[in-house]
Protein backbone atom coordinates (compact mmCIF):
# COMPACT_ATOMS: atom_id res chain seq x y z
CA UNK A 1 32.02 40.60 158.68
CA UNK A 2 28.24 40.22 158.63
CA UNK A 3 26.97 39.17 155.22
CA UNK A 4 24.08 41.29 153.88
CA UNK A 5 21.09 39.07 153.14
CA UNK A 6 18.56 39.71 150.42
CA UNK A 7 19.24 41.27 147.01
CA UNK A 8 21.68 44.16 146.67
CA UNK A 9 23.24 46.04 143.78
CA UNK A 10 26.66 47.66 143.52
CA UNK A 11 29.88 47.79 141.48
CA UNK A 12 28.12 46.61 138.39
CA UNK A 13 26.72 43.45 139.97
CA UNK A 14 23.60 42.17 141.70
CA UNK A 15 24.12 39.85 144.65
CA UNK A 16 21.62 37.47 146.28
CA UNK A 17 22.15 35.84 149.68
CA UNK A 18 19.66 33.64 151.52
CA UNK A 19 19.89 31.41 154.58
CA UNK A 20 18.83 27.75 154.29
CA UNK A 21 20.99 25.46 156.50
CA UNK A 22 19.19 22.17 155.73
CA UNK A 23 18.59 22.53 151.97
CA UNK A 24 20.46 20.19 149.62
CA UNK A 25 20.17 22.58 146.67
CA UNK A 26 18.81 26.07 146.10
CA UNK A 27 17.96 28.09 142.99
CA UNK A 28 17.57 31.78 142.32
CA UNK A 29 14.50 32.20 140.11
CA UNK A 30 14.41 35.29 137.86
CA UNK A 31 11.16 36.28 136.13
CA UNK A 32 10.49 38.13 132.92
CA UNK A 33 6.72 38.21 132.96
CA UNK A 34 5.74 34.58 133.50
CA UNK A 35 8.99 33.25 132.00
CA UNK A 36 11.25 31.84 134.72
CA UNK A 37 15.02 31.39 134.60
CA UNK A 38 16.70 29.33 137.32
CA UNK A 39 20.26 29.83 138.48
CA UNK A 40 21.87 27.32 140.83
CA UNK A 41 23.15 29.02 143.97
CA UNK A 42 26.46 28.30 145.68
CA UNK A 43 26.54 27.07 149.24
CA UNK A 44 28.65 28.84 151.85
CA UNK A 45 27.99 27.36 155.29
CA UNK A 46 24.34 27.98 156.18
CA UNK A 47 23.96 30.49 153.35
CA UNK A 48 23.44 30.29 149.61
CA UNK A 49 24.78 32.88 147.15
CA UNK A 50 24.30 33.91 143.53
CA UNK A 51 25.60 36.87 141.58
CA UNK A 52 24.59 38.51 138.30
CA UNK A 53 27.21 40.40 136.25
CA UNK A 54 25.02 43.52 136.05
CA UNK A 55 22.96 45.77 138.25
CA UNK A 56 19.31 44.85 137.72
CA UNK A 57 17.14 47.03 139.99
CA UNK A 58 13.49 46.23 139.47
CA UNK A 59 14.11 42.60 138.52
CA UNK A 60 11.59 40.08 139.89
CA UNK A 61 12.91 37.06 141.74
CA UNK A 62 12.24 34.26 144.22
CA UNK A 63 13.88 31.05 145.43
CA UNK A 64 13.30 27.32 145.17
CA UNK A 65 14.82 24.89 147.67
CA UNK A 66 15.47 21.16 147.42
CA UNK A 67 15.62 18.80 150.40
CA UNK A 68 13.57 16.44 152.52
CA UNK A 69 9.78 16.69 152.65
CA UNK A 70 8.81 15.48 156.13
CA UNK A 71 6.52 18.02 157.83
CA UNK A 72 6.12 15.81 160.91
CA UNK A 73 9.90 16.15 161.42
CA UNK A 74 10.06 19.84 160.56
CA UNK A 75 11.28 19.55 156.95
CA UNK A 76 9.22 21.29 154.27
CA UNK A 77 11.49 21.32 151.23
CA UNK A 78 9.59 21.25 147.95
CA UNK A 79 11.25 22.65 144.82
CA UNK A 80 7.79 23.17 143.32
CA UNK A 81 7.24 26.01 145.77
CA UNK A 82 8.37 29.52 144.87
CA UNK A 83 9.69 31.09 148.07
CA UNK A 84 9.71 34.76 149.00
CA UNK A 85 13.04 36.16 150.18
CA UNK A 86 12.72 36.79 153.95
CA UNK A 87 14.76 39.96 153.35
CA UNK A 88 12.57 41.28 150.53
CA UNK A 89 11.52 44.90 150.96
CA UNK A 90 9.18 45.14 147.97
CA UNK A 91 6.83 42.66 146.27
CA UNK A 92 5.11 42.80 142.89
CA UNK A 93 1.67 41.67 144.17
CA UNK A 94 -0.25 40.77 147.29
CA UNK A 95 -0.40 37.32 148.85
CA UNK A 96 -3.57 35.27 148.48
CA UNK A 97 -4.63 31.85 149.63
CA UNK A 98 -4.72 28.85 147.30
CA UNK A 99 -4.77 25.09 148.07
CA UNK A 100 -1.57 24.55 146.07
CA UNK A 101 0.41 26.50 148.67
CA UNK A 102 0.15 23.52 151.02
CA UNK A 103 0.12 20.69 148.44
CA UNK A 104 3.43 18.91 147.90
CA UNK A 105 4.59 18.95 144.30
CA UNK A 106 2.18 21.61 143.05
CA UNK A 107 3.98 24.57 141.52
CA UNK A 108 3.16 27.98 143.02
CA UNK A 109 5.12 30.33 140.74
CA UNK A 110 1.88 31.76 139.36
CA UNK A 111 0.52 32.50 142.82
CA UNK A 112 3.31 33.64 145.13
CA UNK A 113 4.51 37.26 144.92
CA UNK A 114 7.93 37.89 143.43
CA UNK A 115 10.39 40.04 145.31
CA UNK A 116 11.76 43.10 143.52
CA UNK A 117 15.47 43.89 143.47
CA UNK A 118 15.64 47.28 145.20
CA UNK A 119 17.28 50.44 143.99
CA UNK A 120 19.97 51.93 146.19
CA UNK A 121 17.88 53.36 149.00
CA UNK A 122 18.68 56.79 150.44
CA UNK A 123 19.43 57.00 154.14
CA UNK A 124 17.08 59.25 156.09
CA UNK A 125 18.81 61.87 158.21
CA UNK A 126 18.85 60.61 161.76
CA UNK A 127 16.83 62.65 164.27
CA UNK A 128 15.46 62.11 167.73
CA UNK A 129 11.98 60.57 167.73
CA UNK A 130 9.11 63.05 167.31
CA UNK A 131 7.42 61.65 170.34
CA UNK A 132 7.77 61.90 174.10
CA UNK A 133 6.24 59.94 176.94
CA UNK A 134 2.91 61.43 177.83
CA UNK A 135 2.00 62.30 174.24
CA UNK A 136 -1.10 61.05 172.44
CA UNK A 137 -0.69 58.00 170.20
CA UNK A 138 -3.30 57.65 167.44
CA UNK A 139 -3.78 54.04 166.31
CA UNK A 140 -4.62 53.83 162.59
CA UNK A 141 -5.83 51.04 160.33
CA UNK A 142 -4.30 52.45 157.15
CA UNK A 143 -6.94 51.17 154.73
CA UNK A 144 -10.04 51.62 156.87
CA UNK A 145 -8.96 55.09 157.99
CA UNK A 146 -9.26 56.82 154.64
CA UNK A 147 -11.52 54.65 152.46
CA UNK A 148 -14.47 56.99 153.14
CA UNK A 149 -12.60 60.23 153.79
CA UNK A 150 -14.30 62.88 151.63
CA UNK A 151 -11.21 65.12 151.33
CA UNK A 152 -8.74 62.42 150.33
CA UNK A 153 -8.54 61.85 146.55
CA UNK A 154 -9.99 58.54 145.44
CA UNK A 155 -6.65 57.28 144.12
CA UNK A 156 -5.06 57.72 147.56
CA UNK A 157 -7.82 56.28 149.72
CA UNK A 158 -6.80 53.18 151.63
CA UNK A 159 -3.07 53.82 151.24
CA UNK A 160 -0.18 55.02 153.36
CA UNK A 161 0.05 58.14 151.19
CA UNK A 162 -3.41 59.24 152.36
CA UNK A 163 -2.01 59.96 155.81
CA UNK A 164 0.12 62.74 154.34
CA UNK A 165 -2.92 64.58 152.93
CA UNK A 166 -3.29 68.09 154.39
CA UNK A 167 -6.85 67.39 155.59
CA UNK A 168 -5.65 64.35 157.55
CA UNK A 169 -2.70 66.20 159.04
CA UNK A 170 -4.98 69.09 160.05
CA UNK A 171 -7.24 66.64 161.89
CA UNK A 172 -4.28 65.04 163.67
CA UNK A 173 -3.03 68.46 164.77
CA UNK A 174 -6.49 69.52 165.97
CA UNK A 175 -6.81 66.62 168.39
CA UNK A 176 -3.22 66.89 169.61
CA UNK A 177 -1.71 63.70 168.14
CA UNK A 178 1.92 63.17 169.10
CA UNK A 179 2.44 60.10 166.92
CA UNK A 180 0.38 57.91 164.63
CA UNK A 181 0.73 54.17 165.17
CA UNK A 182 0.16 52.35 161.90
CA UNK A 183 -1.39 48.92 162.15
CA UNK A 184 0.65 46.44 160.07
CA UNK A 185 1.83 47.70 156.69
CA UNK A 186 4.03 44.73 155.75
CA UNK A 187 2.76 42.07 153.34
CA UNK A 188 0.24 39.63 154.83
CA UNK A 189 -1.99 36.77 153.75
CA UNK A 190 -5.60 35.94 154.61
CA UNK A 191 -6.25 33.18 157.11
CA UNK A 192 -7.33 29.98 155.33
CA UNK A 193 -10.93 30.08 156.54
CA UNK A 194 -11.66 33.60 155.24
CA UNK A 195 -11.81 33.25 151.41
CA UNK A 196 -14.56 30.58 151.50
CA UNK A 197 -16.59 33.02 153.60
CA UNK A 198 -16.04 35.83 151.12
CA UNK A 199 -13.96 37.72 153.70
CA UNK A 200 -10.43 39.12 153.79
CA UNK A 201 -7.98 40.08 156.51
CA UNK A 202 -8.40 43.85 156.94
CA UNK A 203 -5.89 44.39 159.76
CA UNK A 204 -2.68 42.78 158.55
CA UNK A 205 -1.70 40.79 161.64
CA UNK A 206 -0.75 37.75 159.53
CA UNK A 207 2.54 38.65 157.81
CA UNK A 208 4.66 36.54 155.50
CA UNK A 209 7.52 38.87 154.55
CA UNK A 210 8.58 40.76 157.66
CA UNK A 211 9.91 43.92 156.01
CA UNK A 212 8.25 43.97 152.56
CA UNK A 213 5.52 46.61 152.43
CA UNK A 214 2.12 45.34 151.33
CA UNK A 215 1.46 46.47 147.73
CA UNK A 216 -2.23 46.90 148.48
CA UNK A 217 -1.84 49.65 151.07
CA UNK A 218 1.63 50.95 150.18
CA UNK A 219 1.85 50.64 146.38
CA UNK A 220 4.69 53.15 146.26
CA UNK A 221 6.84 50.94 148.46
CA UNK A 222 9.60 52.38 150.61
CA UNK A 223 9.39 55.77 148.90
CA UNK A 224 5.70 56.14 149.77
CA UNK A 225 6.28 55.30 153.43
CA UNK A 226 9.32 57.55 153.67
CA UNK A 227 7.47 60.51 152.14
CA UNK A 228 4.49 60.04 154.45
CA UNK A 229 6.81 59.94 157.48
CA UNK A 230 8.53 63.10 156.28
CA UNK A 231 5.22 64.94 155.85
CA UNK A 232 4.09 64.05 159.36
CA UNK A 233 7.47 64.97 160.80
CA UNK A 234 7.18 68.43 159.23
CA UNK A 235 3.91 68.76 161.14
CA UNK A 236 5.60 67.70 164.38
CA UNK A 237 3.97 64.25 164.42
CA UNK A 238 5.88 61.01 164.85
CA UNK A 239 5.27 57.64 163.16
CA UNK A 240 5.27 54.29 164.97
CA UNK A 241 4.94 50.99 163.10
CA UNK A 242 2.95 48.12 164.59
CA UNK A 243 4.99 45.04 163.65
CA UNK A 244 4.19 41.34 163.98
CA UNK A 245 7.25 39.28 164.89
CA UNK A 246 5.45 36.59 166.87
CA UNK A 247 4.23 34.36 164.02
CA UNK A 248 3.86 34.30 160.25
CA UNK A 249 1.00 33.59 157.87
CA UNK A 250 2.42 30.15 157.05
CA UNK A 251 0.16 29.04 159.90
CA UNK A 252 -0.05 25.51 161.35
CA UNK A 253 0.90 22.14 159.84
CA UNK A 254 -1.88 22.57 157.27
CA UNK A 255 -0.61 25.98 156.16
CA UNK A 256 1.25 26.96 153.03
CA UNK A 257 4.94 26.94 152.12
CA UNK A 258 5.69 30.55 151.24
CA UNK A 259 9.01 31.68 152.70
CA UNK A 260 10.67 30.73 155.99
CA UNK A 261 8.92 27.34 156.16
CA UNK A 262 10.48 26.30 152.86
CA UNK A 263 13.92 27.75 153.60
CA UNK A 264 14.62 27.50 157.33
CA UNK A 265 11.75 25.95 159.27
CA UNK A 266 13.90 26.06 162.43
CA UNK A 267 12.88 29.73 162.64
CA UNK A 268 9.65 28.43 164.18
CA UNK A 269 9.50 27.12 167.75
CA UNK A 270 8.95 23.37 168.05
CA UNK A 271 8.08 21.07 170.95
CA UNK A 272 10.36 18.09 171.71
CA UNK A 273 8.14 15.86 169.57
CA UNK A 274 8.65 18.16 166.59
CA UNK A 275 5.20 19.72 166.60
CA UNK A 276 4.78 23.46 166.17
CA UNK A 277 4.43 25.47 169.38
CA UNK A 278 1.42 27.77 169.15
CA UNK A 279 1.84 30.45 171.82
CA UNK A 280 0.22 32.96 169.46
CA UNK A 281 -3.05 31.23 168.59
CA UNK A 282 -2.13 31.69 164.93
CA UNK A 283 -0.66 28.24 164.24
CA UNK A 284 3.04 28.90 164.76
CA UNK A 285 5.46 30.89 166.90
CA UNK A 286 8.73 32.46 165.79
CA UNK A 287 11.65 31.26 167.90
CA UNK A 288 13.58 34.19 169.39
CA UNK A 289 16.03 31.80 171.00
CA UNK A 290 17.59 31.48 167.53
CA UNK A 291 20.20 34.14 166.63
CA UNK A 292 19.33 34.01 162.92
CA UNK A 293 15.70 34.88 163.61
CA UNK A 294 16.70 37.74 165.92
CA UNK A 295 19.08 39.01 163.23
CA UNK A 296 16.21 39.11 160.72
CA UNK A 297 14.06 41.06 163.17
CA UNK A 298 16.84 43.52 164.00
CA UNK A 299 17.60 44.04 160.31
CA UNK A 300 13.90 44.72 159.71
CA UNK A 301 13.85 47.39 162.43
CA UNK A 302 17.04 48.98 161.13
CA UNK A 303 15.60 49.10 157.63
CA UNK A 304 12.52 51.03 158.73
CA UNK A 305 14.61 53.49 160.72
CA UNK A 306 17.44 53.94 158.22
CA UNK A 307 15.39 54.10 155.01
CA UNK A 308 11.96 55.30 156.18
CA UNK A 309 12.79 57.44 159.23
CA UNK A 310 10.20 55.94 161.58
CA UNK A 311 10.25 56.98 165.23
CA UNK A 312 9.50 53.66 166.86
CA UNK A 313 7.69 50.37 166.96
CA UNK A 314 4.81 48.64 168.68
CA UNK A 315 5.33 44.89 168.97
CA UNK A 316 2.30 42.63 168.68
CA UNK A 317 2.21 39.81 171.28
CA UNK A 318 5.63 41.00 172.41
CA UNK A 319 6.01 38.34 175.11
CA UNK A 320 7.00 35.99 172.26
CA UNK A 321 10.11 38.07 171.64
CA UNK A 322 11.39 37.26 175.12
CA UNK A 323 10.66 33.53 175.03
CA UNK A 324 13.34 30.92 174.71
CA UNK A 325 11.04 29.06 175.41
CA UNK A 326 9.94 30.71 178.70
CA UNK A 327 9.65 34.47 179.14
CA UNK A 328 12.78 36.18 180.46
CA UNK A 329 13.30 39.80 181.40
CA UNK A 330 16.93 39.27 180.29
CA UNK A 331 16.01 38.01 176.82
CA UNK A 332 18.77 38.61 174.24
CA UNK A 333 16.56 40.68 171.94
CA UNK A 334 16.19 43.37 174.59
CA UNK A 335 19.95 43.77 174.98
CA UNK A 336 20.51 43.69 171.23
CA UNK A 337 18.02 46.49 170.60
CA UNK A 338 19.46 48.53 173.48
CA UNK A 339 22.99 48.16 172.11
CA UNK A 340 22.11 49.08 168.53
CA UNK A 341 22.98 52.70 167.63
CA UNK A 342 20.05 52.94 165.21
CA UNK A 343 17.44 51.44 167.53
CA UNK A 344 18.40 52.32 171.10
CA UNK A 345 16.59 55.67 171.19
CA UNK A 346 13.49 54.61 169.25
CA UNK A 347 10.05 54.45 170.87
CA UNK A 348 9.48 50.81 171.86
CA UNK A 349 6.00 49.64 172.85
CA UNK A 350 5.09 46.13 173.97
CA UNK A 351 1.78 44.39 173.83
CA UNK A 352 2.87 42.48 176.94
CA UNK A 353 1.02 39.20 176.56
CA UNK A 354 0.56 36.08 174.46
CA UNK A 355 -1.53 32.93 175.02
CA UNK A 356 1.38 30.67 175.99
CA UNK A 357 2.38 29.56 179.52
CA UNK A 358 2.83 32.60 181.80
CA UNK A 359 1.98 34.72 178.81
CA UNK A 360 0.73 37.80 180.69
CA UNK A 361 3.81 39.90 181.47
CA UNK A 362 2.49 43.42 182.03
CA UNK A 363 5.10 45.53 183.81
CA UNK A 364 8.06 43.23 183.14
CA UNK A 365 9.53 44.73 179.99
CA UNK A 366 12.71 46.88 180.02
CA UNK A 367 12.57 50.27 181.67
CA UNK A 368 12.89 52.13 178.38
CA UNK A 369 9.90 50.32 176.88
CA UNK A 370 6.29 51.45 177.07
CA UNK A 371 3.57 48.83 177.56
CA UNK A 372 -0.07 48.60 176.57
CA UNK A 373 -1.97 48.65 179.86
CA UNK A 374 -5.22 46.70 179.55
CA UNK A 375 -5.74 47.09 183.29
CA UNK A 376 -6.33 50.80 182.66
CA UNK A 377 -8.97 50.00 180.03
CA UNK A 378 -10.79 47.48 182.19
CA UNK A 379 -10.73 49.38 185.49
CA UNK A 380 -11.82 52.67 183.90
CA UNK A 381 -14.65 50.96 182.03
CA UNK A 382 -15.84 49.19 185.18
CA UNK A 383 -15.90 52.40 187.18
CA UNK A 384 -18.00 54.32 184.68
CA UNK A 385 -20.21 51.26 184.12
CA UNK A 386 -20.99 51.52 187.84
CA UNK A 387 -19.45 48.38 189.35
CA UNK A 388 -15.78 49.29 189.76
CA UNK A 389 -14.15 50.58 192.94
CA UNK A 390 -12.89 54.13 192.93
CA UNK A 391 -9.56 52.98 194.35
CA UNK A 392 -8.80 51.02 191.20
CA UNK A 393 -9.71 54.03 189.09
CA UNK A 394 -7.45 56.34 191.07
CA UNK A 395 -4.56 53.90 190.73
CA UNK A 396 -4.96 53.80 186.96
CA UNK A 397 -5.26 57.58 186.64
CA UNK A 398 -2.15 57.96 188.77
CA UNK A 399 0.03 55.95 186.37
CA UNK A 400 -0.55 52.37 187.60
CA UNK A 401 2.28 52.49 190.12
CA UNK A 402 1.15 49.08 191.39
CA UNK A 403 2.42 47.71 188.08
CA UNK A 404 5.15 50.07 186.93
CA UNK A 405 6.42 51.53 190.20
CA UNK A 406 7.73 55.05 189.76
CA UNK A 407 8.37 54.60 186.03
CA UNK A 408 5.55 56.04 183.99
CA UNK A 409 5.66 53.42 181.23
CA UNK A 410 1.95 52.80 180.86
CA UNK A 411 0.16 53.28 177.55
CA UNK A 412 -3.33 54.09 178.76
CA UNK A 413 -6.20 53.33 176.40
CA UNK A 414 -9.96 52.90 176.48
CA UNK A 415 -10.29 50.94 173.24
CA UNK A 416 -7.99 49.52 170.58
CA UNK A 417 -8.35 47.83 167.21
CA UNK A 418 -9.09 44.57 169.01
CA UNK A 419 -12.39 44.88 170.89
CA UNK A 420 -15.31 47.29 171.01
CA UNK A 421 -14.89 50.83 169.76
CA UNK A 422 -15.40 53.51 172.39
CA UNK A 423 -18.92 54.30 171.16
CA UNK A 424 -19.86 50.61 171.07
CA UNK A 425 -18.54 50.15 174.61
CA UNK A 426 -21.46 52.21 175.91
CA UNK A 427 -24.05 50.84 173.43
CA UNK A 428 -23.55 47.06 173.50
CA UNK A 429 -23.40 44.69 176.44
CA UNK A 430 -22.66 41.74 174.14
CA UNK A 431 -20.55 41.27 171.01
CA UNK A 432 -22.31 41.13 167.65
CA UNK A 433 -19.80 39.44 165.33
CA UNK A 434 -22.30 37.58 163.15
CA UNK A 435 -20.79 39.00 159.94
CA UNK A 436 -17.51 37.21 160.73
CA UNK A 437 -18.98 33.82 159.85
CA UNK A 438 -18.12 32.08 163.13
CA UNK A 439 -21.56 32.04 164.75
CA UNK A 440 -20.59 34.96 167.00
CA UNK A 441 -18.01 32.82 168.85
CA UNK A 442 -14.94 34.90 167.94
CA UNK A 443 -13.73 38.00 169.75
CA UNK A 444 -13.70 38.79 173.45
CA UNK A 445 -16.71 37.65 175.43
CA UNK A 446 -16.02 39.86 178.47
CA UNK A 447 -15.78 43.50 177.44
CA UNK A 448 -16.74 45.51 180.55
CA UNK A 449 -19.28 47.24 178.31
CA UNK A 450 -22.87 48.34 178.80
CA UNK A 451 -25.86 49.33 176.68
CA UNK A 452 -27.58 52.15 178.60
CA UNK A 453 -31.04 50.66 178.40
CA UNK A 454 -31.13 49.02 174.97
CA UNK A 455 -28.71 47.00 172.85
CA UNK A 456 -27.36 48.89 169.86
CA UNK A 457 -28.69 52.04 168.15
CA UNK A 458 -31.41 53.96 169.90
CA UNK A 459 -33.69 56.85 168.94
CA UNK A 460 -34.46 57.62 172.58
CA UNK A 461 -32.98 61.07 173.36
CA UNK A 462 -32.39 60.11 176.99
CA UNK A 463 -30.39 57.01 176.04
CA UNK A 464 -28.43 58.97 173.43
CA UNK A 465 -27.61 61.69 175.95
CA UNK A 466 -26.47 59.13 178.52
CA UNK A 467 -24.20 57.42 176.02
CA UNK A 468 -22.70 60.73 174.98
CA UNK A 469 -22.06 61.60 178.63
CA UNK A 470 -20.44 58.22 179.25
CA UNK A 471 -18.11 58.66 176.28
CA UNK A 472 -17.09 62.08 177.56
CA UNK A 473 -16.44 60.75 181.05
CA UNK A 474 -14.28 57.95 179.66
CA UNK A 475 -12.34 60.28 177.39
CA UNK A 476 -11.81 62.86 180.13
CA UNK A 477 -10.45 60.11 182.38
CA UNK A 478 -8.02 59.05 179.66
CA UNK A 479 -6.70 62.54 179.05
CA UNK A 480 -6.43 63.19 182.79
CA UNK A 481 -4.28 60.12 183.36
CA UNK A 482 -0.56 59.93 183.97
CA UNK A 483 1.26 58.05 181.24
CA UNK A 484 1.17 57.93 177.47
CA UNK A 485 -2.38 57.92 176.13
CA UNK A 486 -3.74 56.21 173.02
CA UNK A 487 -6.85 56.70 170.91
CA UNK A 488 -7.93 54.40 168.11
CA UNK A 489 -8.76 56.43 165.01
CA UNK A 490 -12.40 57.46 164.95
CA UNK A 491 -13.06 57.07 168.65
CA UNK A 492 -12.69 60.82 168.95
CA UNK A 493 -15.95 61.26 167.03
CA UNK A 494 -18.06 58.23 167.88
CA UNK A 495 -16.94 55.57 165.40
CA UNK A 496 -19.10 52.41 165.56
CA UNK A 497 -18.64 48.90 164.22
CA UNK A 498 -22.26 47.94 164.93
CA UNK A 499 -21.19 45.93 167.96
CA UNK A 500 -18.53 43.89 166.13
CA UNK A 501 -15.62 43.58 168.53
CA UNK A 502 -13.38 41.58 166.19
CA UNK A 503 -13.63 43.34 162.84
CA UNK A 504 -10.30 42.01 161.54
CA UNK A 505 -12.08 40.47 158.54
CA UNK A 506 -14.41 43.37 157.71
CA UNK A 507 -12.80 45.32 154.88
CA UNK A 508 -16.06 47.17 154.33
CA UNK A 509 -18.31 49.74 155.96
CA UNK A 510 -18.17 47.85 159.27
CA UNK A 511 -14.43 48.39 159.54
CA UNK A 512 -14.09 51.64 157.60
CA UNK A 513 -14.33 54.95 159.43
CA UNK A 514 -17.46 56.97 158.61
CA UNK A 515 -16.16 60.53 158.26
CA UNK A 516 -19.38 62.02 156.94
CA UNK A 517 -21.48 61.24 160.02
CA UNK A 518 -18.93 61.87 162.72
CA UNK A 519 -19.96 63.48 166.00
CA UNK A 520 -18.44 66.94 165.66
CA UNK A 521 -19.28 67.94 169.20
CA UNK A 522 -17.45 64.93 170.60
CA UNK A 523 -14.54 65.67 168.30
CA UNK A 524 -14.38 69.23 169.63
CA UNK A 525 -14.52 67.88 173.17
CA UNK A 526 -11.50 65.66 172.51
CA UNK A 527 -9.61 68.57 170.99
CA UNK A 528 -10.32 70.60 174.13
CA UNK A 529 -9.11 67.73 176.31
CA UNK A 530 -5.90 67.56 174.29
CA UNK A 531 -5.33 71.29 174.74
CA UNK A 532 -5.98 71.04 178.47
CA UNK A 533 -3.56 68.13 178.78
CA UNK A 534 -0.89 70.03 176.86
CA UNK A 535 -1.44 73.08 179.07
CA UNK A 536 -0.49 71.10 182.15
CA UNK A 537 2.51 69.53 180.46
CA UNK A 538 1.18 66.05 179.83
CA UNK A 539 3.05 64.38 182.66
CA UNK A 540 3.36 67.46 184.86
CA UNK A 541 0.57 66.27 187.11
CA UNK A 542 2.24 63.86 189.51
CA UNK A 543 0.38 61.81 192.08
CA UNK A 544 2.75 61.90 195.04
CA UNK A 545 3.30 63.52 198.42
CA UNK A 546 2.25 66.08 199.52
CA UNK A 547 -0.78 65.46 197.32
CA UNK A 548 -4.05 64.64 199.04
CA UNK A 549 -7.05 62.57 197.89
CA UNK A 550 -10.36 63.75 199.31
CA UNK A 551 -13.95 62.60 199.19
CA UNK A 552 -16.51 64.79 197.48
CA UNK A 553 -17.51 66.10 200.93
CA UNK A 554 -13.95 67.37 201.47
CA UNK A 555 -12.82 64.72 203.98
CA UNK A 556 -9.73 62.63 203.32
CA UNK A 557 -10.32 59.18 201.83
CA UNK A 558 -10.24 56.15 204.12
CA UNK A 559 -9.33 52.56 203.24
CA UNK A 560 -13.01 51.66 203.27
CA UNK A 561 -13.80 54.54 200.89
CA UNK A 562 -11.29 53.26 198.36
CA UNK A 563 -12.78 49.77 198.29
CA UNK A 564 -16.45 50.75 198.43
CA UNK A 565 -18.05 50.59 194.94
CA UNK A 566 -20.63 53.09 196.17
CA UNK A 567 -18.03 55.82 196.72
CA UNK A 568 -19.14 58.26 194.08
CA UNK A 569 -16.65 61.10 193.84
CA UNK A 570 -13.12 62.04 194.75
CA UNK A 571 -10.80 64.98 194.31
CA UNK A 572 -7.03 65.13 194.20
CA UNK A 573 -4.98 68.17 195.14
CA UNK A 574 -1.31 67.67 194.21
CA UNK A 575 0.08 70.25 196.60
CA UNK A 576 -2.25 72.10 198.97
CA UNK A 577 0.49 74.66 199.65
CA UNK A 578 1.12 75.74 196.06
CA UNK A 579 -0.64 76.68 192.84
CA UNK A 580 -1.58 73.54 190.94
CA UNK A 581 -4.24 71.70 189.00
CA UNK A 582 -6.78 69.75 191.01
CA UNK A 583 -8.64 66.74 189.70
CA UNK A 584 -12.23 65.98 190.64
CA UNK A 585 -14.65 63.36 189.41
CA UNK A 586 -18.17 62.20 190.14
CA UNK A 587 -19.66 58.98 188.84
CA UNK A 588 -23.16 60.14 189.68
CA UNK A 589 -22.74 63.27 187.58
CA UNK A 590 -20.65 61.55 184.90
CA UNK A 591 -18.01 64.24 185.31
CA UNK A 592 -14.25 64.43 185.52
CA UNK A 593 -12.48 67.76 185.40
CA UNK A 594 -9.28 69.61 186.08
CA UNK A 595 -9.38 72.98 187.76
CA UNK A 596 -6.52 75.32 188.38
CA UNK A 597 -6.23 76.45 192.00
CA UNK A 598 -4.02 79.32 193.15
CA UNK A 599 -1.46 79.07 195.88
CA UNK A 600 -2.77 79.94 199.35
CA UNK A 601 -2.37 83.62 200.17
CA UNK A 602 0.32 84.43 202.67
CA UNK A 603 -0.99 86.20 205.77
């Protein structure tokens, strides 16, 4: 029988179970305000147990572990450190950086969040995901999305609950959203270098507790998330969580001792010499070769499905999940998800790369997974910038069969949270990340972007008109493409970050969406594109025989035409013998359009 980890109540008792194979002693720490009571836990194999003779939902707790302190050998035991339960689902405060987190012998009970013993959580009625391949995914930074939304009440701005507001739902419906994809909502900590710069992590891709919702953006905990999911489901919109299982905010050897590091440091991947492997660029890498780590991840996913009703997950730097240490298409985690009755039918989306050896694995995830396709972004941008071949564009529009074969698993996008916004793509040739405090060295240096005559804002009507036309051409290409499509919130109405292409640390007007000054005409254009896409069934347009690609002069395309960057326009007719939609585009005119053609008359 699998032992339930974490804190659980039932039959008049409260039970605590935590894994720590190498600890020599472990204490449950109960808090009444700042007063701490320690209870020695009992060892049972790799686990430690404690039990209270009463049900105490709402009680605050943490752990302390005793053992060897030898970071160079992978041992980080320090009983002065209060440790967060890896299975916590609710915390009483947010994480914040402090030097004592990494200093041996300095007590951290006044700094580290306490886990909260949960009530008995209701199980959400199981339904098929409210999302289908070909739908529109809408990527949302929960806090930045609503901080300046004029219709959302001030007390809800910046929270998960804001997404359930009728004005927000109406906007999602208007632009044809099939599912919102929430950027991380579990509890995270700032990177060490940010507080001295007066900055904070605004995106959440630095988690500590893998299933505990961050009190700053989800103060109502599991109930708030569940109610938001229910509201969107009633509107026919699914919810996908962006989860980070590739590293934790305990960072490199200079990082703090907050949870896993102080309980079971073997959860992190180590080189033969004992040093931390850093295939994530974030200081550490979670080791998916270890069954206990995979069990924690699977339990996290089950929790969000069972108790919150989410429709699926997007996995950040998902190549890590299939490392052990090298990437494998037969990685155990894939089979375990596929065999799980709660998870097998969920929407699963990979960001198919990391920075480790052979880290780029686009097209190699399981057949039931979708994958972020950065090749679509880059090839479409290059074409409309004027230096990309039309053959590459056609391949991306047609579902990237060179990568995915006949399976339409591509998530096509023009911009995401990481990189330029869509509006900035056509207004900035270079990144402008000066506000990040790293001398403009952070963020991508090669963005396939352009500035239409001047860098940044312009009062020239001709430049403004050209930029607007370029945005429309890019958006029309996205909505014309085969595959699932994704928009980052605000790109439908010209959101700008003033050229900052790495706004992860800008919890301010740079990173917040400006709803008051949105481009309503562009927004209407996107809504029309969504309606047109829905009218042709999303994936109904298939690029296959007997379809014909033709040049703008009507002649069939040659091999030389496909490779020539000067080839301006093409048209695609799916079936010349039947009624269908035809696609035509012209780089010179900045135009892409679908037109319905009737079947040839029979004579």
